[in-house]
Amino acid sequence: QVQLVESGGGLVQPGGSLRLSCEASGSILRFYAMGWYSQVPGKERELVAVIISGGSTNYADSVKGRFTISRDNAKNTVYLQMNSLKPEDTAVYYCNAEMVVAGIPKTYWGQGTQVTVSS
């Protein structure tokens, strides 16, 4: 069973920074992709950033140049460094992991961590 545990959310002023962490139960090398999604009430979950097993990354246009996704394989952890935060970044952020088991794609989610950007 895969477990993803997020941490690092909180309240920050506009222009501030936060670093979210997502620690997996076991090696993250099992996953072909890991990412961060955001969700606000009444809307669907949206991709923020993803890191593929080979190390390539992709970002939503709204966060390019401000957010950075990275991983530490030794710590089984993926990070999202969030800089120059804006009120519109306020959301619950979910960690996501994708893997293939016996040819079947599997998707896993963390419990989410609240990020609030407000003065």
Protein backbone atom coordinates (compact mmCIF):
# COMPACT_ATOMS: atom_id res chain seq x y z
CA GLN A 1 0.00 0.00 0.00
CA VAL A 2 1.38 3.38 -1.00
CA GLN A 3 1.02 6.27 1.39
CA LEU A 4 1.82 9.88 0.57
CA VAL A 5 2.08 12.37 3.41
CA GLU A 6 2.20 16.09 2.66
CA SER A 7 3.46 18.79 4.94
CA GLY A 8 4.55 22.41 4.78
CA GLY A 9 1.31 24.22 4.10
CA GLY A 10 0.17 27.23 6.04
CA LEU A 11 -0.64 30.92 5.98
CA VAL A 12 1.75 33.24 4.17
CA GLN A 13 1.61 36.84 3.02
CA PRO A 14 1.58 37.72 -0.67
CA GLY A 15 5.11 37.63 -2.04
CA GLY A 16 6.18 35.06 0.52
CA SER A 17 7.43 31.52 0.13
CA LEU A 18 6.52 28.04 1.28
CA ARG A 19 8.02 24.62 0.66
CA LEU A 20 5.68 21.67 0.50
CA SER A 21 6.97 18.16 1.12
CA CYS A 22 5.49 14.83 0.11
CA GLU A 23 7.03 11.78 1.74
CA ALA A 24 6.19 8.40 0.28
CA SER A 25 6.08 5.09 2.11
CA GLY A 26 8.92 3.39 0.30
CA SER A 27 11.07 4.25 -2.66
CA ILE A 28 9.80 6.94 -5.02
CA LEU A 29 11.81 5.29 -7.79
CA ARG A 30 8.76 3.03 -8.21
CA PHE A 31 6.78 5.93 -9.63
CA TYR A 32 7.10 7.06 -13.22
CA ALA A 33 5.70 10.46 -12.27
CA MET A 34 5.04 12.48 -9.15
CA GLY A 35 3.29 15.78 -8.99
CA TRP A 36 1.40 18.43 -7.12
CA TYR A 37 -2.19 19.41 -7.77
CA SER A 38 -4.25 22.24 -6.35
CA GLN A 39 -7.94 22.40 -5.64
CA VAL A 40 -10.25 25.18 -4.53
CA PRO A 41 -13.85 24.66 -3.42
CA GLY A 42 -16.23 24.05 -6.30
CA LYS A 43 -13.49 23.41 -8.84
CA GLU A 44 -11.69 20.36 -10.15
CA ARG A 45 -8.22 19.45 -9.04
CA GLU A 46 -5.62 21.03 -11.35
CA LEU A 47 -2.04 20.08 -12.12
CA VAL A 48 0.51 22.49 -10.67
CA ALA A 49 3.79 20.68 -11.36
CA VAL A 50 5.01 17.21 -12.26
CA ILE A 51 8.38 15.49 -12.26
CA ILE A 52 8.92 12.45 -14.43
CA SER A 53 11.20 9.54 -13.53
CA GLY A 54 13.91 10.75 -15.89
CA GLY A 55 13.96 14.09 -14.11
CA SER A 56 12.07 16.26 -16.56
CA THR A 57 9.51 18.66 -15.14
CA ASN A 58 6.40 20.45 -16.30
CA TYR A 59 4.47 23.33 -14.77
CA ALA A 60 1.13 25.03 -15.07
CA ASP A 61 1.53 28.36 -16.87
CA SER A 62 0.31 30.21 -13.79
CA VAL A 63 3.27 29.03 -11.67
CA LYS A 64 6.12 28.97 -14.19
CA GLY A 65 9.10 30.90 -12.88
CA ARG A 66 7.70 30.93 -9.32
CA PHE A 67 7.36 27.26 -8.31
CA THR A 68 9.95 24.50 -8.51
CA ILE A 69 9.34 20.78 -8.13
CA SER A 70 12.20 18.56 -7.05
CA ARG A 71 12.81 15.20 -5.45
CA ASP A 72 15.19 13.53 -3.05
CA ASN A 73 15.28 9.84 -3.84
CA ALA A 74 17.22 9.02 -0.69
CA LYS A 75 14.48 10.58 1.44
CA ASN A 76 11.59 9.26 -0.69
CA THR A 77 10.35 12.83 -0.84
CA VAL A 78 9.13 15.25 -3.49
CA TYR A 79 9.12 18.98 -2.83
CA LEU A 80 7.33 21.99 -4.20
CA GLN A 81 9.16 25.25 -3.59
CA MET A 82 6.63 28.05 -3.91
CA ASN A 83 7.99 31.59 -4.25
CA SER A 84 6.35 34.95 -4.96
CA LEU A 85 3.06 33.57 -3.74
CA LYS A 86 -0.15 35.27 -4.79
CA PRO A 87 -3.62 35.20 -3.21
CA GLU A 88 -4.83 33.17 -6.19
CA ASP A 89 -2.41 30.39 -5.18
CA THR A 90 -4.64 29.75 -2.17
CA ALA A 91 -5.83 26.14 -2.38
CA VAL A 92 -5.46 22.69 -0.94
CA TYR A 93 -2.38 21.11 -2.49
CA TYR A 94 -2.31 17.37 -3.08
CA CYS A 95 0.65 15.15 -3.78
CA ASN A 96 0.17 12.62 -6.58
CA ALA A 97 2.10 9.55 -7.62
CA GLU A 98 1.68 7.35 -10.69
CA MET A 99 2.99 3.83 -11.12
CA VAL A 100 2.30 0.73 -13.16
CA VAL A 101 1.62 -2.53 -11.37
CA ALA A 102 1.35 -5.67 -13.50
CA GLY A 103 0.62 -3.49 -16.50
CA ILE A 104 -2.15 -1.58 -14.72
CA PRO A 105 -1.71 2.13 -14.03
CA LYS A 106 -2.19 3.09 -10.42
CA THR A 107 -2.75 6.58 -9.03
CA TYR A 108 -2.14 7.59 -5.43
CA TRP A 109 -3.01 10.79 -3.56
CA GLY A 110 -1.98 12.35 -0.31
CA GLN A 111 -4.44 13.85 2.13
CA GLY A 112 -3.75 17.42 1.05
CA THR A 113 -2.24 20.44 2.75
CA GLN A 114 -3.85 23.89 2.89
CA VAL A 115 -1.97 26.87 1.50
CA THR A 116 -3.46 30.28 2.23
CA VAL A 117 -1.94 33.43 0.78
CA SER A 118 -3.36 36.49 2.47
CA SER A 119 -2.31 39.72 4.12
